[in-house]
Amino acid sequence: MTNSVTVKELVDEMKDIRVVSGEDHLDRNITVSDLSRPALELTGYFNYYPQDRLQLFGRTEISFANSMTSEERMIVMRRMCQAETPAFLVSRNMDIPEELVSAAEEKGIPVLSSKRATTRLYSNINNFLEDRLAERESVHGVLLDIFGSGVLITGDSGIGKSETALELIQRGHRLVADDRVELYMLDESRIVGESPEILRHLIEIRGIGVIDVVHLFGVGAIRRKKTVDMVVNLEMWDRNRQYDRLGSAMESMRVFNVDIPKISIPVRTGRNLAIIVEMATMNLRAKWMGYDATATFERNLDQLIQKNSENNLYKGRQ
């Protein structure tokens, strides 16, 4: 589980952020996804100062700081430079107060600058940090993008998950992760999956070995991450078990308190699992759009029963 991001990783990811000072201290850790825009702190109120957050200065903060005397700025900036403070960031390429740079250098805290507007910069960094700092869970399976839906294929080792994924890739769908899938919560209702870096773009087929999907199929055959919309569990066919034939018994898989729709597909010789997984995905998308084939069948059955009942009643009266 990733619980920190270094300032250097942030700078490398954002691209448009440049280091003004503190280049030797970019190894400082960011452990909180929220950013702080110091407003009350500039007035001297530090009772609830979030010192462990990245400190973002926008036009309002810089304007207020410029209205202060040099001595007042130095006092405030030194109080803002705490041991847990990862870095200071100024937006819109605005001139940075010398007192901020001086105080930060005393404590070994980097000072950064960006050309982006403050609100956009806040949003971009917050999204990046929430992604990297989110609690993670690793599951055994294969994650693919099928018709725009994230489908996580699970099942016992050797049951054919990777082989099914390979056929789906050949049919034009995209691989996200094979063997190990890292899951994390994007928000209260969405779970995102991605591949561990060491396994990215790779898929293992027993008897062949490791295949580089990008090399064989091109960059259009892979995705870096995808929201998990459905789980397909492959299990060996059991003749003594009664399987759902109408599709009315939808299961779910709980990940981080989010329930993801799940279906179980029995595996036996002669079944084309890739096509079945495709159809399961299309059927789920149809349900999201308001069409349920099972409900249509049950409605037609009710109409047939009612019609037969009316015919029998009519014949009885004759």
C-alpha atoms as a PDB file:
ATOM      1  CA  MET A   1       0.000   0.000   0.000  1.00  0.00           C
ATOM      2  CA  THR A   2       1.401   3.378  -1.023  1.00  0.00           C
ATOM      3  CA  ASN A   3       1.205   5.856   1.899  1.00  0.00           C
ATOM      4  CA  SER A   4       3.496   8.620   0.718  1.00  0.00           C
ATOM      5  CA  VAL A   5       4.600  10.464  -2.408  1.00  0.00           C
ATOM      6  CA  THR A   6       7.852  12.379  -2.635  1.00  0.00           C
ATOM      7  CA  VAL A   7       7.942  15.963  -3.827  1.00  0.00           C
ATOM      8  CA  LYS A   8      10.159  14.802  -6.709  1.00  0.00           C
ATOM      9  CA  GLU A   9       7.487  12.341  -7.860  1.00  0.00           C
ATOM     10  CA  LEU A  10       4.954  15.166  -7.823  1.00  0.00           C
ATOM     11  CA  VAL A  11       7.231  17.447  -9.849  1.00  0.00           C
ATOM     12  CA  ASP A  12       7.945  14.687 -12.373  1.00  0.00           C
ATOM     13  CA  GLU A  13       4.241  13.868 -12.756  1.00  0.00           C
ATOM     14  CA  MET A  14       2.883  17.407 -13.092  1.00  0.00           C
ATOM     15  CA  LYS A  15       5.469  18.436 -15.716  1.00  0.00           C
ATOM     16  CA  ASP A  16       4.571  22.154 -15.521  1.00  0.00           C
ATOM     17  CA  ILE A  17       5.932  22.555 -11.968  1.00  0.00           C
ATOM     18  CA  ARG A  18       9.471  23.927 -11.651  1.00  0.00           C
ATOM     19  CA  VAL A  19      11.731  23.942  -8.619  1.00  0.00           C
ATOM     20  CA  VAL A  20      12.608  27.448  -7.405  1.00  0.00           C
ATOM     21  CA  SER A  21      14.683  26.384  -4.411  1.00  0.00           C
ATOM     22  CA  GLY A  22      15.372  23.295  -2.331  1.00  0.00           C
ATOM     23  CA  GLU A  23      16.411  20.998  -5.182  1.00  0.00           C
ATOM     24  CA  ASP A  24      18.365  18.873  -2.694  1.00  0.00           C
ATOM     25  CA  HIS A  25      15.273  18.275  -0.558  1.00  0.00           C
ATOM     26  CA  LEU A  26      12.824  16.857  -3.098  1.00  0.00           C
ATOM     27  CA  ASP A  27      12.825  13.560  -1.211  1.00  0.00           C
ATOM     28  CA  ARG A  28      10.426  15.026   1.389  1.00  0.00           C
ATOM     29  CA  ASN A  29       7.234  12.986   1.679  1.00  0.00           C
ATOM     30  CA  ILE A  30       3.656  14.064   1.057  1.00  0.00           C
ATOM     31  CA  THR A  31       1.278  11.911   3.106  1.00  0.00           C
ATOM     32  CA  VAL A  32      -2.005  13.844   2.745  1.00  0.00           C
ATOM     33  CA  SER A  33      -3.915  14.273  -0.512  1.00  0.00           C
ATOM     34  CA  ASP A  34      -5.552  17.565   0.501  1.00  0.00           C
ATOM     35  CA  LEU A  35      -3.709  20.826  -0.120  1.00  0.00           C
ATOM     36  CA  SER A  36      -3.651  23.849   2.157  1.00  0.00           C
ATOM     37  CA  ARG A  37      -4.187  27.419   1.019  1.00  0.00           C
ATOM     38  CA  PRO A  38      -2.806  29.399   3.967  1.00  0.00           C
ATOM     39  CA  ALA A  39      -5.147  32.294   4.610  1.00  0.00           C
ATOM     40  CA  LEU A  40      -5.612  32.663   8.363  1.00  0.00           C
ATOM     41  CA  GLU A  41      -2.001  31.634   8.842  1.00  0.00           C
ATOM     42  CA  LEU A  42      -0.851  34.747   6.991  1.00  0.00           C
ATOM     43  CA  THR A  43      -2.654  36.797   9.628  1.00  0.00           C
ATOM     44  CA  GLY A  44      -0.804  34.965  12.387  1.00  0.00           C
ATOM     45  CA  TYR A  45      -3.504  32.446  13.379  1.00  0.00           C
ATOM     46  CA  PHE A  46      -1.846  29.009  13.584  1.00  0.00           C
ATOM     47  CA  ASN A  47      -4.147  27.100  15.961  1.00  0.00           C
ATOM     48  CA  TYR A  48      -5.324  24.709  13.228  1.00  0.00           C
ATOM     49  CA  TYR A  49      -2.472  24.979  10.753  1.00  0.00           C
ATOM     50  CA  PRO A  50      -2.395  21.822   8.550  1.00  0.00           C
ATOM     51  CA  GLN A  51       1.389  21.673   8.531  1.00  0.00           C
ATOM     52  CA  ASP A  52       1.583  18.220   6.917  1.00  0.00           C
ATOM     53  CA  ARG A  53      -0.071  19.386   3.678  1.00  0.00           C
ATOM     54  CA  LEU A  54       1.413  20.886   0.548  1.00  0.00           C
ATOM     55  CA  GLN A  55       1.042  24.669   0.959  1.00  0.00           C
ATOM     56  CA  LEU A  56      -0.448  26.322  -2.133  1.00  0.00           C
ATOM     57  CA  PHE A  57      -0.184  30.085  -2.644  1.00  0.00           C
ATOM     58  CA  GLY A  58      -2.547  31.674  -5.137  1.00  0.00           C
ATOM     59  CA  ARG A  59      -3.167  35.260  -6.175  1.00  0.00           C
ATOM     60  CA  THR A  60      -5.060  36.048  -2.961  1.00  0.00           C
ATOM     61  CA  GLU A  61      -2.356  34.691  -0.651  1.00  0.00           C
ATOM     62  CA  ILE A  62       0.508  36.375  -2.524  1.00  0.00           C
ATOM     63  CA  SER A  63      -1.392  39.682  -2.665  1.00  0.00           C
ATOM     64  CA  PHE A  64      -2.004  39.602   1.087  1.00  0.00           C
ATOM     65  CA  ALA A  65       1.619  38.657   1.782  1.00  0.00           C
ATOM     66  CA  ASN A  66       2.816  41.598  -0.320  1.00  0.00           C
ATOM     67  CA  SER A  67       0.750  43.964   1.825  1.00  0.00           C
ATOM     68  CA  MET A  68       2.773  42.986   4.886  1.00  0.00           C
ATOM     69  CA  THR A  69       6.120  44.398   5.911  1.00  0.00           C
ATOM     70  CA  SER A  70       9.245  42.347   5.260  1.00  0.00           C
ATOM     71  CA  GLU A  71       9.636  41.653   8.980  1.00  0.00           C
ATOM     72  CA  GLU A  72       6.017  40.478   9.304  1.00  0.00           C
ATOM     73  CA  ARG A  73       6.391  38.208   6.280  1.00  0.00           C
ATOM     74  CA  MET A  74       9.553  36.645   7.684  1.00  0.00           C
ATOM     75  CA  ILE A  75       7.883  35.873  11.008  1.00  0.00           C
ATOM     76  CA  VAL A  76       4.864  34.250   9.350  1.00  0.00           C
ATOM     77  CA  MET A  77       6.856  32.298   6.784  1.00  0.00           C
ATOM     78  CA  ARG A  78       9.165  30.876   9.440  1.00  0.00           C
ATOM     79  CA  ARG A  79       6.143  29.704  11.446  1.00  0.00           C
ATOM     80  CA  MET A  80       4.767  28.011   8.339  1.00  0.00           C
ATOM     81  CA  CYS A  81       7.993  26.085   7.778  1.00  0.00           C
ATOM     82  CA  GLN A  82       7.399  23.067  10.020  1.00  0.00           C
ATOM     83  CA  ALA A  83       9.202  19.743  10.077  1.00  0.00           C
ATOM     84  CA  GLU A  84       6.205  17.973   8.445  1.00  0.00           C
ATOM     85  CA  THR A  85       5.625  20.591   5.725  1.00  0.00           C
ATOM     86  CA  PRO A  86       6.491  18.887   2.399  1.00  0.00           C
ATOM     87  CA  ALA A  87       6.759  21.929   0.094  1.00  0.00           C
ATOM     88  CA  PHE A  88       5.425  25.354  -0.884  1.00  0.00           C
ATOM     89  CA  LEU A  89       3.870  25.923  -4.297  1.00  0.00           C
ATOM     90  CA  VAL A  90       3.036  29.237  -5.971  1.00  0.00           C
ATOM     91  CA  SER A  91       0.650  29.348  -8.946  1.00  0.00           C
ATOM     92  CA  ARG A  92       0.437  31.580 -12.054  1.00  0.00           C
ATOM     93  CA  ASN A  93       4.242  32.069 -12.154  1.00  0.00           C
ATOM     94  CA  MET A  94       3.801  34.900  -9.661  1.00  0.00           C
ATOM     95  CA  ASP A  95       6.774  36.524  -7.972  1.00  0.00           C
ATOM     96  CA  ILE A  96       7.595  34.592  -4.811  1.00  0.00           C
ATOM     97  CA  PRO A  97       8.301  36.617  -1.644  1.00  0.00           C
ATOM     98  CA  GLU A  98      11.984  36.464  -0.770  1.00  0.00           C
ATOM     99  CA  GLU A  99      11.043  35.801   2.836  1.00  0.00           C
ATOM    100  CA  LEU A 100       9.268  32.576   1.847  1.00  0.00           C
ATOM    101  CA  VAL A 101      12.292  31.319  -0.080  1.00  0.00           C
ATOM    102  CA  SER A 102      14.664  32.286   2.738  1.00  0.00           C
ATOM    103  CA  ALA A 103      12.553  30.671   5.484  1.00  0.00           C
ATOM    104  CA  ALA A 104      12.078  27.501   3.421  1.00  0.00           C
ATOM    105  CA  GLU A 105      15.815  27.211   2.739  1.00  0.00           C
ATOM    106  CA  GLU A 106      16.507  27.452   6.487  1.00  0.00           C
ATOM    107  CA  LYS A 107      14.309  24.359   7.061  1.00  0.00           C
ATOM    108  CA  GLY A 108      15.237  22.494   3.869  1.00  0.00           C
ATOM    109  CA  ILE A 109      11.747  22.759   2.359  1.00  0.00           C
ATOM    110  CA  PRO A 110      11.406  23.004  -1.449  1.00  0.00           C
ATOM    111  CA  VAL A 111       9.664  25.993  -3.028  1.00  0.00           C
ATOM    112  CA  LEU A 112       7.886  25.267  -6.307  1.00  0.00           C
ATOM    113  CA  SER A 113       6.208  27.359  -8.983  1.00  0.00           C
ATOM    114  CA  SER A 114       3.680  26.654 -11.737  1.00  0.00           C
ATOM    115  CA  LYS A 115       2.128  28.642 -14.566  1.00  0.00           C
ATOM    116  CA  ARG A 116      -1.297  27.087 -14.015  1.00  0.00           C
ATOM    117  CA  ALA A 117      -4.242  28.854 -12.385  1.00  0.00           C
ATOM    118  CA  THR A 118      -4.635  28.092  -8.686  1.00  0.00           C
ATOM    119  CA  THR A 119      -7.946  26.201  -8.886  1.00  0.00           C
ATOM    120  CA  ARG A 120      -6.797  23.989 -11.774  1.00  0.00           C
ATOM    121  CA  LEU A 121      -3.468  23.348 -10.060  1.00  0.00           C
ATOM    122  CA  TYR A 122      -5.227  22.382  -6.830  1.00  0.00           C
ATOM    123  CA  SER A 123      -7.539  19.983  -8.671  1.00  0.00           C
ATOM    124  CA  ASN A 124      -4.764  18.308 -10.684  1.00  0.00           C
ATOM    125  CA  ILE A 125      -2.509  17.769  -7.686  1.00  0.00           C
ATOM    126  CA  ASN A 126      -5.360  16.609  -5.461  1.00  0.00           C
ATOM    127  CA  ASN A 127      -6.446  14.023  -8.048  1.00  0.00           C
ATOM    128  CA  PHE A 128      -2.880  12.757  -8.424  1.00  0.00           C
ATOM    129  CA  LEU A 129      -2.339  12.484  -4.671  1.00  0.00           C
ATOM    130  CA  GLU A 130      -5.689  10.792  -4.041  1.00  0.00           C
ATOM    131  CA  ASP A 131      -4.781   8.233  -6.684  1.00  0.00           C
ATOM    132  CA  ARG A 132      -1.309   7.547  -5.290  1.00  0.00           C
ATOM    133  CA  LEU A 133      -2.187   7.689  -1.580  1.00  0.00           C
ATOM    134  CA  ALA A 134      -5.366   5.603  -1.747  1.00  0.00           C
ATOM    135  CA  GLU A 135      -5.568   2.365   0.235  1.00  0.00           C
ATOM    136  CA  ARG A 136      -4.910  -0.559  -2.094  1.00  0.00           C
ATOM    137  CA  GLU A 137      -5.846  -4.210  -2.280  1.00  0.00           C
ATOM    138  CA  SER A 138      -4.216  -6.742  -4.580  1.00  0.00           C
ATOM    139  CA  VAL A 139      -6.366  -9.515  -6.089  1.00  0.00           C
ATOM    140  CA  HIS A 140      -5.535 -12.468  -8.322  1.00  0.00           C
ATOM    141  CA  GLY A 141      -7.184 -12.045 -11.715  1.00  0.00           C
ATOM    142  CA  VAL A 142      -7.210 -10.306 -15.072  1.00  0.00           C
ATOM    143  CA  LEU A 143      -8.681  -6.853 -15.709  1.00  0.00           C
ATOM    144  CA  LEU A 144      -9.781  -5.811 -19.204  1.00  0.00           C
ATOM    145  CA  ASP A 145     -11.605  -2.958 -20.884  1.00  0.00           C
ATOM    146  CA  ILE A 146     -14.455  -4.640 -22.780  1.00  0.00           C
ATOM    147  CA  PHE A 147     -16.753  -2.344 -24.761  1.00  0.00           C
ATOM    148  CA  GLY A 148     -15.752   0.479 -22.413  1.00  0.00           C
ATOM    149  CA  SER A 149     -16.573  -1.477 -19.234  1.00  0.00           C
ATOM    150  CA  GLY A 150     -13.964  -2.674 -16.764  1.00  0.00           C
ATOM    151  CA  VAL A 151     -14.300  -6.447 -16.370  1.00  0.00           C
ATOM    152  CA  LEU A 152     -12.318  -8.262 -13.676  1.00  0.00           C
ATOM    153  CA  ILE A 153     -11.952 -11.982 -14.475  1.00  0.00           C
ATOM    154  CA  THR A 154     -11.270 -14.119 -11.400  1.00  0.00           C
ATOM    155  CA  GLY A 155     -11.009 -17.847 -10.734  1.00  0.00           C
ATOM    156  CA  ASP A 156      -8.677 -20.576  -9.557  1.00  0.00           C
ATOM    157  CA  SER A 157      -5.147 -20.731 -10.919  1.00  0.00           C
ATOM    158  CA  GLY A 158      -4.963 -22.535 -14.269  1.00  0.00           C
ATOM    159  CA  ILE A 159      -8.665 -22.251 -15.073  1.00  0.00           C
ATOM    160  CA  GLY A 160      -8.029 -20.139 -18.199  1.00  0.00           C
ATOM    161  CA  LYS A 161      -8.217 -16.482 -17.180  1.00  0.00           C
ATOM    162  CA  SER A 162      -5.166 -15.369 -19.183  1.00  0.00           C
ATOM    163  CA  GLU A 163      -6.131 -17.461 -22.209  1.00  0.00           C
ATOM    164  CA  THR A 164      -9.600 -15.913 -22.183  1.00  0.00           C
ATOM    165  CA  ALA A 165      -8.023 -12.465 -21.865  1.00  0.00           C
ATOM    166  CA  LEU A 166      -5.710 -13.157 -24.818  1.00  0.00           C
ATOM    167  CA  GLU A 167      -8.642 -14.076 -27.058  1.00  0.00           C
ATOM    168  CA  LEU A 168     -10.505 -10.965 -25.928  1.00  0.00           C
ATOM    169  CA  ILE A 169      -7.458  -8.844 -26.814  1.00  0.00           C
ATOM    170  CA  GLN A 170      -7.410 -10.459 -30.256  1.00  0.00           C
ATOM    171  CA  ARG A 171     -11.079  -9.466 -30.588  1.00  0.00           C
ATOM    172  CA  GLY A 172     -10.165  -5.805 -30.073  1.00  0.00           C
ATOM    173  CA  HIS A 173     -10.530  -5.328 -26.319  1.00  0.00           C
ATOM    174  CA  ARG A 174      -7.824  -3.888 -24.083  1.00  0.00           C
ATOM    175  CA  LEU A 175      -5.707  -5.357 -21.303  1.00  0.00           C
ATOM    176  CA  VAL A 176      -5.276  -3.485 -18.025  1.00  0.00           C
ATOM    177  CA  ALA A 177      -3.643  -6.099 -15.804  1.00  0.00           C
ATOM    178  CA  ASP A 178      -2.853  -9.809 -15.820  1.00  0.00           C
ATOM    179  CA  ASP A 179      -2.213 -12.088 -12.823  1.00  0.00           C
ATOM    180  CA  ARG A 180      -2.234  -9.363 -10.145  1.00  0.00           C
ATOM    181  CA  VAL A 181      -4.654  -6.440 -10.125  1.00  0.00           C
ATOM    182  CA  GLU A 182      -4.190  -3.553  -7.699  1.00  0.00           C
ATOM    183  CA  LEU A 183      -7.542  -2.104  -6.651  1.00  0.00           C
ATOM    184  CA  TYR A 184      -8.167   1.206  -4.922  1.00  0.00           C
ATOM    185  CA  MET A 185     -11.196   3.362  -4.184  1.00  0.00           C
ATOM    186  CA  LEU A 186     -11.594   6.373  -6.454  1.00  0.00           C
ATOM    187  CA  ASP A 187     -14.672   7.666  -4.616  1.00  0.00           C
ATOM    188  CA  GLU A 188     -17.604   6.294  -2.604  1.00  0.00           C
ATOM    189  CA  SER A 189     -18.969   4.266  -5.525  1.00  0.00           C
ATOM    190  CA  ARG A 190     -16.058   3.482  -7.864  1.00  0.00           C
ATOM    191  CA  ILE A 191     -13.180   1.020  -7.619  1.00  0.00           C
ATOM    192  CA  VAL A 192     -10.237   1.421 -10.004  1.00  0.00           C
ATOM    193  CA  GLY A 193      -7.832  -1.339 -11.000  1.00  0.00           C
ATOM    194  CA  GLU A 194      -4.341  -1.160 -12.452  1.00  0.00           C
ATOM    195  CA  SER A 195      -1.344  -3.399 -12.964  1.00  0.00           C
ATOM    196  CA  PRO A 196       1.728  -3.520 -10.723  1.00  0.00           C
ATOM    197  CA  GLU A 197       4.555  -1.772 -12.534  1.00  0.00           C
ATOM    198  CA  ILE A 198       6.595  -4.965 -12.924  1.00  0.00           C
ATOM    199  CA  LEU A 199       3.721  -6.719 -14.757  1.00  0.00           C
ATOM    200  CA  ARG A 200       2.483  -3.779 -16.841  1.00  0.00           C
ATOM    201  CA  HIS A 201       1.539  -4.695 -20.450  1.00  0.00           C
ATOM    202  CA  LEU A 202       2.553  -8.336 -19.868  1.00  0.00           C
ATOM    203  CA  ILE A 203       0.419 -11.473 -19.946  1.00  0.00           C
ATOM    204  CA  GLU A 204       1.465 -15.035 -19.100  1.00  0.00           C
ATOM    205  CA  ILE A 205       0.201 -17.998 -21.138  1.00  0.00           C
ATOM    206  CA  ARG A 206       1.061 -21.460 -19.858  1.00  0.00           C
ATOM    207  CA  GLY A 207       3.147 -23.341 -22.432  1.00  0.00           C
ATOM    208  CA  ILE A 208       4.189 -20.140 -24.219  1.00  0.00           C
ATOM    209  CA  GLY A 209       5.494 -17.903 -21.455  1.00  0.00           C
ATOM    210  CA  VAL A 210       5.292 -14.149 -20.987  1.00  0.00           C
ATOM    211  CA  ILE A 211       3.840 -12.079 -23.834  1.00  0.00           C
ATOM    212  CA  ASP A 212       4.339  -8.333 -24.299  1.00  0.00           C
ATOM    213  CA  VAL A 213       0.908  -7.149 -25.417  1.00  0.00           C
ATOM    214  CA  VAL A 214       2.173  -3.774 -26.646  1.00  0.00           C
ATOM    215  CA  HIS A 215       4.846  -5.419 -28.794  1.00  0.00           C
ATOM    216  CA  LEU A 216       2.438  -7.908 -30.389  1.00  0.00           C
ATOM    217  CA  PHE A 217      -0.815  -5.931 -30.601  1.00  0.00           C
ATOM    218  CA  GLY A 218       0.220  -2.258 -30.314  1.00  0.00           C
ATOM    219  CA  VAL A 219      -0.508   0.450 -27.774  1.00  0.00           C
ATOM    220  CA  GLY A 220      -4.203   0.357 -28.647  1.00  0.00           C
ATOM    221  CA  ALA A 221      -4.462  -3.024 -26.913  1.00  0.00           C
ATOM    222  CA  ILE A 222      -3.668  -1.793 -23.406  1.00  0.00           C
ATOM    223  CA  ARG A 223      -4.937   0.643 -20.783  1.00  0.00           C
ATOM    224  CA  ARG A 224      -3.084   1.794 -17.706  1.00  0.00           C
ATOM    225  CA  LYS A 225      -6.104   1.733 -15.387  1.00  0.00           C
ATOM    226  CA  LYS A 226      -9.860   1.202 -15.494  1.00  0.00           C
ATOM    227  CA  THR A 227     -12.874   1.425 -13.222  1.00  0.00           C
ATOM    228  CA  VAL A 228     -14.076  -2.070 -12.304  1.00  0.00           C
ATOM    229  CA  ASP A 229     -17.716  -2.355 -13.425  1.00  0.00           C
ATOM    230  CA  MET A 230     -18.210  -6.125 -13.240  1.00  0.00           C
ATOM    231  CA  VAL A 231     -16.550  -9.279 -11.912  1.00  0.00           C
ATOM    232  CA  VAL A 232     -16.681 -12.521 -13.921  1.00  0.00           C
ATOM    233  CA  ASN A 233     -15.696 -15.535 -11.856  1.00  0.00           C
ATOM    234  CA  LEU A 234     -14.646 -18.656 -13.785  1.00  0.00           C
ATOM    235  CA  GLU A 235     -15.268 -21.951 -11.978  1.00  0.00           C
ATOM    236  CA  MET A 236     -15.052 -25.599 -12.976  1.00  0.00           C
ATOM    237  CA  TRP A 237     -18.313 -27.147 -14.150  1.00  0.00           C
ATOM    238  CA  ASP A 238     -20.073 -29.156 -11.422  1.00  0.00           C
ATOM    239  CA  ARG A 239     -22.810 -31.428 -12.717  1.00  0.00           C
ATOM    240  CA  ASN A 240     -24.361 -31.590  -9.250  1.00  0.00           C
ATOM    241  CA  ARG A 241     -24.793 -27.832  -9.008  1.00  0.00           C
ATOM    242  CA  GLN A 242     -27.794 -25.904 -10.257  1.00  0.00           C
ATOM    243  CA  TYR A 243     -26.644 -22.919 -12.324  1.00  0.00           C
ATOM    244  CA  ASP A 244     -28.674 -19.772 -12.928  1.00  0.00           C
ATOM    245  CA  ARG A 245     -30.192 -20.027 -16.409  1.00  0.00           C
ATOM    246  CA  LEU A 246     -32.240 -16.813 -16.429  1.00  0.00           C
ATOM    247  CA  GLY A 247     -29.653 -14.343 -15.130  1.00  0.00           C
ATOM    248  CA  SER A 248     -31.854 -13.209 -12.252  1.00  0.00           C
ATOM    249  CA  ALA A 249     -29.494 -14.227  -9.423  1.00  0.00           C
ATOM    250  CA  MET A 250     -26.853 -11.486  -9.697  1.00  0.00           C
ATOM    251  CA  GLU A 251     -24.134 -11.750  -7.052  1.00  0.00           C
ATOM    252  CA  SER A 252     -21.733  -9.054  -5.893  1.00  0.00           C
ATOM    253  CA  MET A 253     -18.125  -8.743  -4.783  1.00  0.00           C
ATOM    254  CA  ARG A 254     -17.376  -6.222  -2.025  1.00  0.00           C
ATOM    255  CA  VAL A 255     -14.193  -4.170  -2.307  1.00  0.00           C
ATOM    256  CA  PHE A 256     -13.612  -1.309   0.157  1.00  0.00           C
ATOM    257  CA  ASN A 257     -17.349  -1.234   1.011  1.00  0.00           C
ATOM    258  CA  VAL A 258     -18.316  -0.981  -2.669  1.00  0.00           C
ATOM    259  CA  ASP A 259     -20.438  -3.796  -4.114  1.00  0.00           C
ATOM    260  CA  ILE A 260     -19.426  -4.722  -7.676  1.00  0.00           C
ATOM    261  CA  PRO A 261     -21.829  -6.864  -9.783  1.00  0.00           C
ATOM    262  CA  LYS A 262     -20.530 -10.411 -10.136  1.00  0.00           C
ATOM    263  CA  ILE A 263     -21.495 -13.403 -12.245  1.00  0.00           C
ATOM    264  CA  SER A 264     -20.125 -16.948 -12.147  1.00  0.00           C
ATOM    265  CA  ILE A 265     -19.463 -18.813 -15.396  1.00  0.00           C
ATOM    266  CA  PRO A 266     -18.956 -22.591 -15.329  1.00  0.00           C
ATOM    267  CA  VAL A 267     -15.994 -23.769 -17.403  1.00  0.00           C
ATOM    268  CA  ARG A 268     -16.192 -26.961 -19.428  1.00  0.00           C
ATOM    269  CA  THR A 269     -14.754 -28.276 -22.679  1.00  0.00           C
ATOM    270  CA  GLY A 270     -16.235 -26.636 -25.777  1.00  0.00           C
ATOM    271  CA  ARG A 271     -17.387 -23.383 -24.191  1.00  0.00           C
ATOM    272  CA  ASN A 272     -16.009 -20.205 -25.801  1.00  0.00           C
ATOM    273  CA  LEU A 273     -15.312 -18.180 -22.676  1.00  0.00           C
ATOM    274  CA  ALA A 274     -14.258 -15.029 -24.535  1.00  0.00           C
ATOM    275  CA  ILE A 275     -17.607 -14.740 -26.314  1.00  0.00           C
ATOM    276  CA  ILE A 276     -19.484 -15.551 -23.108  1.00  0.00           C
ATOM    277  CA  VAL A 277     -17.609 -12.812 -21.221  1.00  0.00           C
ATOM    278  CA  GLU A 278     -18.352 -10.394 -24.103  1.00  0.00           C
ATOM    279  CA  MET A 279     -22.059 -11.235 -23.972  1.00  0.00           C
ATOM    280  CA  ALA A 280     -22.125 -10.907 -20.176  1.00  0.00           C
ATOM    281  CA  THR A 281     -20.609  -7.432 -20.478  1.00  0.00           C
ATOM    282  CA  MET A 282     -23.051  -6.361 -23.196  1.00  0.00           C
ATOM    283  CA  ASN A 283     -25.971  -7.739 -21.194  1.00  0.00           C
ATOM    284  CA  LEU A 284     -24.910  -5.756 -18.123  1.00  0.00           C
ATOM    285  CA  ARG A 285     -24.605  -2.570 -20.213  1.00  0.00           C
ATOM    286  CA  ALA A 286     -28.099  -3.201 -21.554  1.00  0.00           C
ATOM    287  CA  LYS A 287     -29.395  -3.442 -17.977  1.00  0.00           C
ATOM    288  CA  TRP A 288     -27.734  -0.119 -17.142  1.00  0.00           C
ATOM    289  CA  MET A 289     -29.581   1.384 -20.120  1.00  0.00           C
ATOM    290  CA  GLY A 290     -32.895   0.039 -18.851  1.00  0.00           C
ATOM    291  CA  TYR A 291     -33.313  -3.162 -20.885  1.00  0.00           C
ATOM    292  CA  ASP A 292     -33.452  -6.441 -18.970  1.00  0.00           C
ATOM    293  CA  ALA A 293     -33.844  -9.580 -21.077  1.00  0.00           C
ATOM    294  CA  THR A 294     -34.763 -11.620 -17.990  1.00  0.00           C
ATOM    295  CA  ALA A 295     -37.606  -9.222 -17.162  1.00  0.00           C
ATOM    296  CA  THR A 296     -38.791  -9.430 -20.785  1.00  0.00           C
ATOM    297  CA  PHE A 297     -38.817 -13.242 -20.629  1.00  0.00           C
ATOM    298  CA  GLU A 298     -40.714 -13.239 -17.324  1.00  0.00           C
ATOM    299  CA  ARG A 299     -43.237 -10.738 -18.718  1.00  0.00           C
ATOM    300  CA  ASN A 300     -43.761 -12.870 -21.835  1.00  0.00           C
ATOM    301  CA  LEU A 301     -44.163 -15.962 -19.649  1.00  0.00           C
ATOM    302  CA  ASP A 302     -46.783 -14.242 -17.487  1.00  0.00           C
ATOM    303  CA  GLN A 303     -48.679 -13.186 -20.612  1.00  0.00           C
ATOM    304  CA  LEU A 304     -48.564 -16.740 -21.964  1.00  0.00           C
ATOM    305  CA  ILE A 305     -49.823 -18.180 -18.670  1.00  0.00           C
ATOM    306  CA  GLN A 306     -52.636 -15.632 -18.554  1.00  0.00           C
ATOM    307  CA  LYS A 307     -53.575 -16.351 -22.166  1.00  0.00           C
ATOM    308  CA  ASN A 308     -53.658 -20.118 -21.572  1.00  0.00           C
ATOM    309  CA  SER A 309     -55.743 -19.595 -18.442  1.00  0.00           C
ATOM    310  CA  GLU A 310     -58.267 -17.515 -20.367  1.00  0.00           C
ATOM    311  CA  ASN A 311     -58.440 -20.158 -23.144  1.00  0.00           C
ATOM    312  CA  ASN A 312     -59.001 -22.947 -20.621  1.00  0.00           C
ATOM    313  CA  LEU A 313     -61.713 -20.893 -18.907  1.00  0.00           C
ATOM    314  CA  TYR A 314     -63.427 -20.264 -22.245  1.00  0.00           C
ATOM    315  CA  LYS A 315     -63.305 -23.969 -23.151  1.00  0.00           C
ATOM    316  CA  GLY A 316     -64.752 -24.869 -19.745  1.00  0.00           C
ATOM    317  CA  ARG A 317     -67.739 -22.635 -20.291  1.00  0.00           C
ATOM    318  CA  GLN A 318     -68.460 -24.335 -23.626  1.00  0.00           C
END
